[in-house]
Amino acid sequence: MAALRAHCSTISLVWADGGYAGRLLTWSKTVLSMTVQVVKRTDDTRGFKVLPRRWVVERTFAWICKHRRCVRDYETRPDQHEAMVYIAMIATTSRRLARTA
């Protein structure tokens, strides 16, 4: 979170899974001035239920996995894999922008 704050200073809200509840919330608020909003499942829920804002991450992972080199760990170095994820997202974003223009 500190690296995120140093790299992207305009981010003020972060969504997190229920496992991140606890001291992270107060630490991020006091030290980093970031709000962490925990998206939790209710205990009485059975089966599949769409949680708010959580689908955004799952959808993005699905977009990345459409590209062959991002599905398996073909790259030997982490920076090469990171570059492939960037290329996949650039291709996806540019394709979506070209449709709306």
N, C-alpha and C. Protein backbone atom coordinates (compact mmCIF):
# COMPACT_ATOMS: atom_id res chain seq x y z
N MET A 1 0.83 -1.19 0.00
CA MET A 1 0.00 0.00 0.00
C MET A 1 0.87 1.25 0.00
N ALA A 2 2.01 1.18 0.69
CA ALA A 2 2.90 2.33 0.70
C ALA A 2 3.49 2.56 -0.69
N ALA A 3 3.82 1.49 -1.39
CA ALA A 3 4.34 1.63 -2.76
C ALA A 3 3.26 2.16 -3.69
N LEU A 4 2.02 1.75 -3.48
CA LEU A 4 0.91 2.27 -4.27
C LEU A 4 0.76 3.76 -4.04
N ARG A 5 0.84 4.19 -2.80
CA ARG A 5 0.71 5.61 -2.48
C ARG A 5 1.86 6.41 -3.09
N ALA A 6 3.07 5.84 -3.05
CA ALA A 6 4.22 6.55 -3.61
C ALA A 6 4.13 6.65 -5.13
N HIS A 7 3.60 5.62 -5.77
CA HIS A 7 3.53 5.60 -7.23
C HIS A 7 2.30 6.34 -7.76
N CYS A 8 1.17 6.20 -7.09
CA CYS A 8 -0.10 6.79 -7.54
C CYS A 8 -0.68 7.61 -6.40
N SER A 9 -0.31 8.85 -6.32
CA SER A 9 -0.70 9.67 -5.17
C SER A 9 -2.16 10.11 -5.21
N THR A 10 -2.85 9.96 -6.34
CA THR A 10 -4.24 10.41 -6.43
C THR A 10 -5.24 9.37 -5.95
N ILE A 11 -4.82 8.14 -5.73
CA ILE A 11 -5.74 7.09 -5.27
C ILE A 11 -6.08 7.34 -3.80
N SER A 12 -7.37 7.41 -3.53
CA SER A 12 -7.79 7.68 -2.15
C SER A 12 -8.69 6.57 -1.60
N LEU A 13 -9.22 5.71 -2.45
CA LEU A 13 -10.11 4.64 -2.01
C LEU A 13 -9.62 3.31 -2.58
N VAL A 14 -9.53 2.31 -1.71
CA VAL A 14 -9.09 0.97 -2.10
C VAL A 14 -10.13 -0.02 -1.60
N TRP A 15 -10.56 -0.92 -2.49
CA TRP A 15 -11.47 -1.99 -2.07
C TRP A 15 -10.65 -3.21 -1.72
N ALA A 16 -11.02 -3.89 -0.65
CA ALA A 16 -10.27 -5.04 -0.19
C ALA A 16 -11.22 -6.18 0.16
N ASP A 17 -10.66 -7.37 0.19
CA ASP A 17 -11.40 -8.57 0.56
C ASP A 17 -11.60 -8.58 2.07
N GLY A 18 -12.48 -9.43 2.55
CA GLY A 18 -12.77 -9.52 3.97
C GLY A 18 -11.58 -9.92 4.81
N GLY A 19 -10.60 -10.59 4.22
CA GLY A 19 -9.41 -11.01 4.95
C GLY A 19 -8.49 -9.86 5.34
N TYR A 20 -8.70 -8.70 4.76
CA TYR A 20 -7.84 -7.55 5.05
C TYR A 20 -8.42 -6.63 6.11
N ALA A 21 -9.53 -7.01 6.72
CA ALA A 21 -10.11 -6.18 7.78
C ALA A 21 -9.20 -6.24 9.01
N GLY A 22 -9.20 -5.19 9.79
CA GLY A 22 -8.38 -5.17 11.00
C GLY A 22 -7.49 -3.95 11.03
N ARG A 23 -6.23 -4.16 11.37
CA ARG A 23 -5.30 -3.05 11.56
C ARG A 23 -4.98 -2.33 10.26
N LEU A 24 -5.15 -2.99 9.13
CA LEU A 24 -4.87 -2.35 7.84
C LEU A 24 -5.74 -1.12 7.63
N LEU A 25 -6.97 -1.19 8.08
CA LEU A 25 -7.89 -0.07 7.89
C LEU A 25 -7.41 1.18 8.60
N THR A 26 -7.04 1.03 9.87
CA THR A 26 -6.58 2.20 10.62
C THR A 26 -5.21 2.66 10.17
N TRP A 27 -4.32 1.71 9.82
CA TRP A 27 -2.98 2.08 9.38
C TRP A 27 -3.03 2.86 8.07
N SER A 28 -3.83 2.39 7.13
CA SER A 28 -3.90 3.08 5.84
C SER A 28 -4.54 4.45 5.98
N LYS A 29 -5.47 4.59 6.91
CA LYS A 29 -6.12 5.89 7.12
C LYS A 29 -5.16 6.88 7.78
N THR A 30 -4.44 6.45 8.81
CA THR A 30 -3.58 7.38 9.54
C THR A 30 -2.25 7.64 8.83
N VAL A 31 -1.62 6.60 8.31
CA VAL A 31 -0.29 6.75 7.72
C VAL A 31 -0.35 7.21 6.27
N LEU A 32 -1.24 6.61 5.48
CA LEU A 32 -1.26 6.87 4.04
C LEU A 32 -2.38 7.79 3.59
N SER A 33 -3.31 8.12 4.46
CA SER A 33 -4.48 8.92 4.11
C SER A 33 -5.30 8.27 2.99
N MET A 34 -5.42 6.95 3.06
CA MET A 34 -6.21 6.19 2.10
C MET A 34 -7.34 5.48 2.84
N THR A 35 -8.50 5.45 2.22
CA THR A 35 -9.63 4.74 2.79
C THR A 35 -9.68 3.35 2.20
N VAL A 36 -9.71 2.34 3.05
CA VAL A 36 -9.84 0.95 2.61
C VAL A 36 -11.27 0.51 2.93
N GLN A 37 -12.00 0.16 1.90
CA GLN A 37 -13.38 -0.28 2.07
C GLN A 37 -13.41 -1.79 1.87
N VAL A 38 -13.79 -2.52 2.90
CA VAL A 38 -13.81 -3.98 2.87
C VAL A 38 -15.15 -4.45 2.32
N VAL A 39 -15.08 -5.30 1.30
CA VAL A 39 -16.28 -5.89 0.70
C VAL A 39 -16.39 -7.30 1.25
N LYS A 40 -17.40 -7.52 2.10
CA LYS A 40 -17.56 -8.81 2.78
C LYS A 40 -18.81 -9.53 2.30
N ARG A 41 -18.75 -10.84 2.40
CA ARG A 41 -19.93 -11.66 2.20
C ARG A 41 -20.66 -11.75 3.53
N THR A 42 -21.96 -11.83 3.48
CA THR A 42 -22.71 -12.06 4.70
C THR A 42 -22.66 -13.54 5.04
N ASP A 43 -22.73 -13.86 6.31
CA ASP A 43 -22.60 -15.25 6.74
C ASP A 43 -23.80 -16.11 6.34
N ASP A 44 -24.97 -15.50 6.18
CA ASP A 44 -26.16 -16.28 5.86
C ASP A 44 -26.35 -16.51 4.36
N THR A 45 -25.43 -16.02 3.53
CA THR A 45 -25.54 -16.20 2.09
C THR A 45 -25.12 -17.61 1.70
N ARG A 46 -25.95 -18.25 0.88
CA ARG A 46 -25.62 -19.59 0.39
C ARG A 46 -25.50 -19.50 -1.13
N GLY A 47 -24.51 -20.21 -1.66
CA GLY A 47 -24.33 -20.23 -3.10
C GLY A 47 -23.62 -18.98 -3.61
N PHE A 48 -23.78 -18.72 -4.90
CA PHE A 48 -23.11 -17.60 -5.55
C PHE A 48 -23.93 -16.33 -5.42
N LYS A 49 -23.26 -15.25 -5.05
CA LYS A 49 -23.91 -13.94 -4.99
C LYS A 49 -22.89 -12.90 -5.42
N VAL A 50 -23.29 -12.03 -6.32
CA VAL A 50 -22.39 -10.99 -6.80
C VAL A 50 -22.20 -9.96 -5.69
N LEU A 51 -20.94 -9.70 -5.35
CA LEU A 51 -20.63 -8.70 -4.34
C LEU A 51 -20.30 -7.38 -5.02
N PRO A 52 -20.67 -6.26 -4.41
CA PRO A 52 -20.43 -4.97 -5.05
C PRO A 52 -18.94 -4.71 -5.23
N ARG A 53 -18.57 -4.20 -6.38
CA ARG A 53 -17.22 -3.81 -6.79
C ARG A 53 -16.24 -4.97 -6.92
N ARG A 54 -16.57 -6.14 -6.44
CA ARG A 54 -15.64 -7.26 -6.54
C ARG A 54 -15.58 -7.80 -7.96
N TRP A 55 -16.65 -7.66 -8.71
CA TRP A 55 -16.70 -8.15 -10.07
C TRP A 55 -15.74 -7.40 -10.97
N VAL A 56 -15.37 -6.18 -10.61
CA VAL A 56 -14.46 -5.39 -11.43
C VAL A 56 -13.10 -6.08 -11.53
N VAL A 57 -12.61 -6.59 -10.42
CA VAL A 57 -11.32 -7.28 -10.41
C VAL A 57 -11.42 -8.58 -11.19
N GLU A 58 -12.47 -9.34 -10.98
CA GLU A 58 -12.65 -10.61 -11.68
C GLU A 58 -12.77 -10.39 -13.18
N ARG A 59 -13.47 -9.34 -13.58
CA ARG A 59 -13.62 -9.03 -15.00
C ARG A 59 -12.28 -8.66 -15.61
N THR A 60 -11.48 -7.89 -14.89
CA THR A 60 -10.16 -7.50 -15.39
C THR A 60 -9.25 -8.72 -15.55
N PHE A 61 -9.28 -9.63 -14.58
CA PHE A 61 -8.49 -10.86 -14.70
C PHE A 61 -8.94 -11.66 -15.92
N ALA A 62 -10.24 -11.70 -16.18
CA ALA A 62 -10.75 -12.43 -17.35
C ALA A 62 -10.25 -11.79 -18.64
N TRP A 63 -10.22 -10.46 -18.70
CA TRP A 63 -9.70 -9.77 -19.88
C TRP A 63 -8.24 -10.11 -20.11
N ILE A 64 -7.46 -10.14 -19.03
CA ILE A 64 -6.03 -10.44 -19.15
C ILE A 64 -5.84 -11.89 -19.62
N CYS A 65 -6.66 -12.80 -19.12
CA CYS A 65 -6.51 -14.22 -19.46
C CYS A 65 -6.95 -14.53 -20.88
N LYS A 66 -7.55 -13.59 -21.59
CA LYS A 66 -7.87 -13.82 -22.99
C LYS A 66 -6.62 -13.87 -23.86
N HIS A 67 -5.53 -13.34 -23.36
CA HIS A 67 -4.27 -13.32 -24.11
C HIS A 67 -3.44 -14.54 -23.71
N ARG A 68 -3.00 -15.29 -24.73
CA ARG A 68 -2.37 -16.59 -24.53
C ARG A 68 -1.16 -16.53 -23.61
N ARG A 69 -0.31 -15.55 -23.75
CA ARG A 69 0.93 -15.51 -22.96
C ARG A 69 0.69 -15.12 -21.51
N CYS A 70 -0.52 -14.68 -21.19
CA CYS A 70 -0.83 -14.32 -19.80
C CYS A 70 -1.54 -15.45 -19.06
N VAL A 71 -1.97 -16.47 -19.79
CA VAL A 71 -2.70 -17.56 -19.15
C VAL A 71 -1.77 -18.46 -18.36
N ARG A 72 -0.66 -18.84 -18.94
CA ARG A 72 0.33 -19.67 -18.27
C ARG A 72 1.56 -18.84 -17.96
N ASP A 73 2.40 -19.36 -17.13
CA ASP A 73 3.61 -18.63 -16.75
C ASP A 73 4.73 -18.97 -17.74
N TYR A 74 4.62 -18.42 -18.95
CA TYR A 74 5.61 -18.68 -19.99
C TYR A 74 6.89 -17.88 -19.77
N GLU A 75 6.78 -16.72 -19.18
CA GLU A 75 7.93 -15.83 -19.04
C GLU A 75 8.82 -16.32 -17.90
N THR A 76 10.13 -16.12 -18.05
CA THR A 76 11.07 -16.57 -17.03
C THR A 76 11.35 -15.49 -15.99
N ARG A 77 11.15 -14.25 -16.37
CA ARG A 77 11.41 -13.15 -15.43
C ARG A 77 10.11 -12.42 -15.11
N PRO A 78 9.94 -11.96 -13.88
CA PRO A 78 8.70 -11.26 -13.50
C PRO A 78 8.47 -9.98 -14.30
N ASP A 79 9.53 -9.25 -14.65
CA ASP A 79 9.33 -8.02 -15.40
C ASP A 79 8.82 -8.30 -16.82
N GLN A 80 9.20 -9.45 -17.39
CA GLN A 80 8.67 -9.82 -18.70
C GLN A 80 7.18 -10.15 -18.61
N HIS A 81 6.80 -10.84 -17.55
CA HIS A 81 5.38 -11.16 -17.36
C HIS A 81 4.58 -9.88 -17.12
N GLU A 82 5.13 -8.97 -16.35
CA GLU A 82 4.46 -7.69 -16.12
C GLU A 82 4.27 -6.94 -17.44
N ALA A 83 5.27 -6.97 -18.30
CA ALA A 83 5.16 -6.32 -19.60
C ALA A 83 4.06 -6.95 -20.44
N MET A 84 3.92 -8.27 -20.36
CA MET A 84 2.86 -8.94 -21.12
C MET A 84 1.47 -8.56 -20.59
N VAL A 85 1.35 -8.38 -19.29
CA VAL A 85 0.07 -7.93 -18.72
C VAL A 85 -0.23 -6.51 -19.20
N TYR A 86 0.78 -5.64 -19.24
CA TYR A 86 0.58 -4.29 -19.76
C TYR A 86 0.13 -4.33 -21.22
N ILE A 87 0.79 -5.17 -22.02
CA ILE A 87 0.43 -5.27 -23.44
C ILE A 87 -1.00 -5.78 -23.59
N ALA A 88 -1.39 -6.75 -22.78
CA ALA A 88 -2.75 -7.28 -22.84
C ALA A 88 -3.77 -6.20 -22.49
N MET A 89 -3.49 -5.42 -21.47
CA MET A 89 -4.45 -4.38 -21.07
C MET A 89 -4.47 -3.22 -22.07
N ILE A 90 -3.32 -2.91 -22.67
CA ILE A 90 -3.29 -1.87 -23.71
C ILE A 90 -4.12 -2.31 -24.91
N ALA A 91 -3.96 -3.57 -25.31
CA ALA A 91 -4.74 -4.08 -26.45
C ALA A 91 -6.23 -4.07 -26.13
N THR A 92 -6.59 -4.49 -24.94
CA THR A 92 -8.00 -4.52 -24.54
C THR A 92 -8.59 -3.11 -24.49
N THR A 93 -7.86 -2.20 -23.88
CA THR A 93 -8.35 -0.83 -23.74
C THR A 93 -8.45 -0.14 -25.09
N SER A 94 -7.44 -0.30 -25.94
CA SER A 94 -7.49 0.35 -27.25
C SER A 94 -8.62 -0.22 -28.11
N ARG A 95 -8.87 -1.52 -28.00
CA ARG A 95 -9.97 -2.12 -28.74
C ARG A 95 -11.31 -1.57 -28.26
N ARG A 96 -11.44 -1.40 -26.96
CA ARG A 96 -12.70 -0.86 -26.42
C ARG A 96 -12.89 0.60 -26.80
N LEU A 97 -11.79 1.36 -26.81
CA LEU A 97 -11.88 2.77 -27.19
C LEU A 97 -12.18 2.94 -28.67
N ALA A 98 -11.65 2.05 -29.50
CA ALA A 98 -11.90 2.14 -30.94
C ALA A 98 -13.37 1.86 -31.27
N ARG A 99 -14.01 1.00 -30.48
CA ARG A 99 -15.44 0.72 -30.70
C ARG A 99 -16.30 1.92 -30.40
N THR A 100 -15.94 2.72 -29.40
CA THR A 100 -16.79 3.84 -29.00
C THR A 100 -16.54 5.08 -29.83
N ALA A 101 -15.43 5.15 -30.50
CA ALA A 101 -15.12 6.36 -31.28
C ALA A 101 -15.84 6.41 -32.59
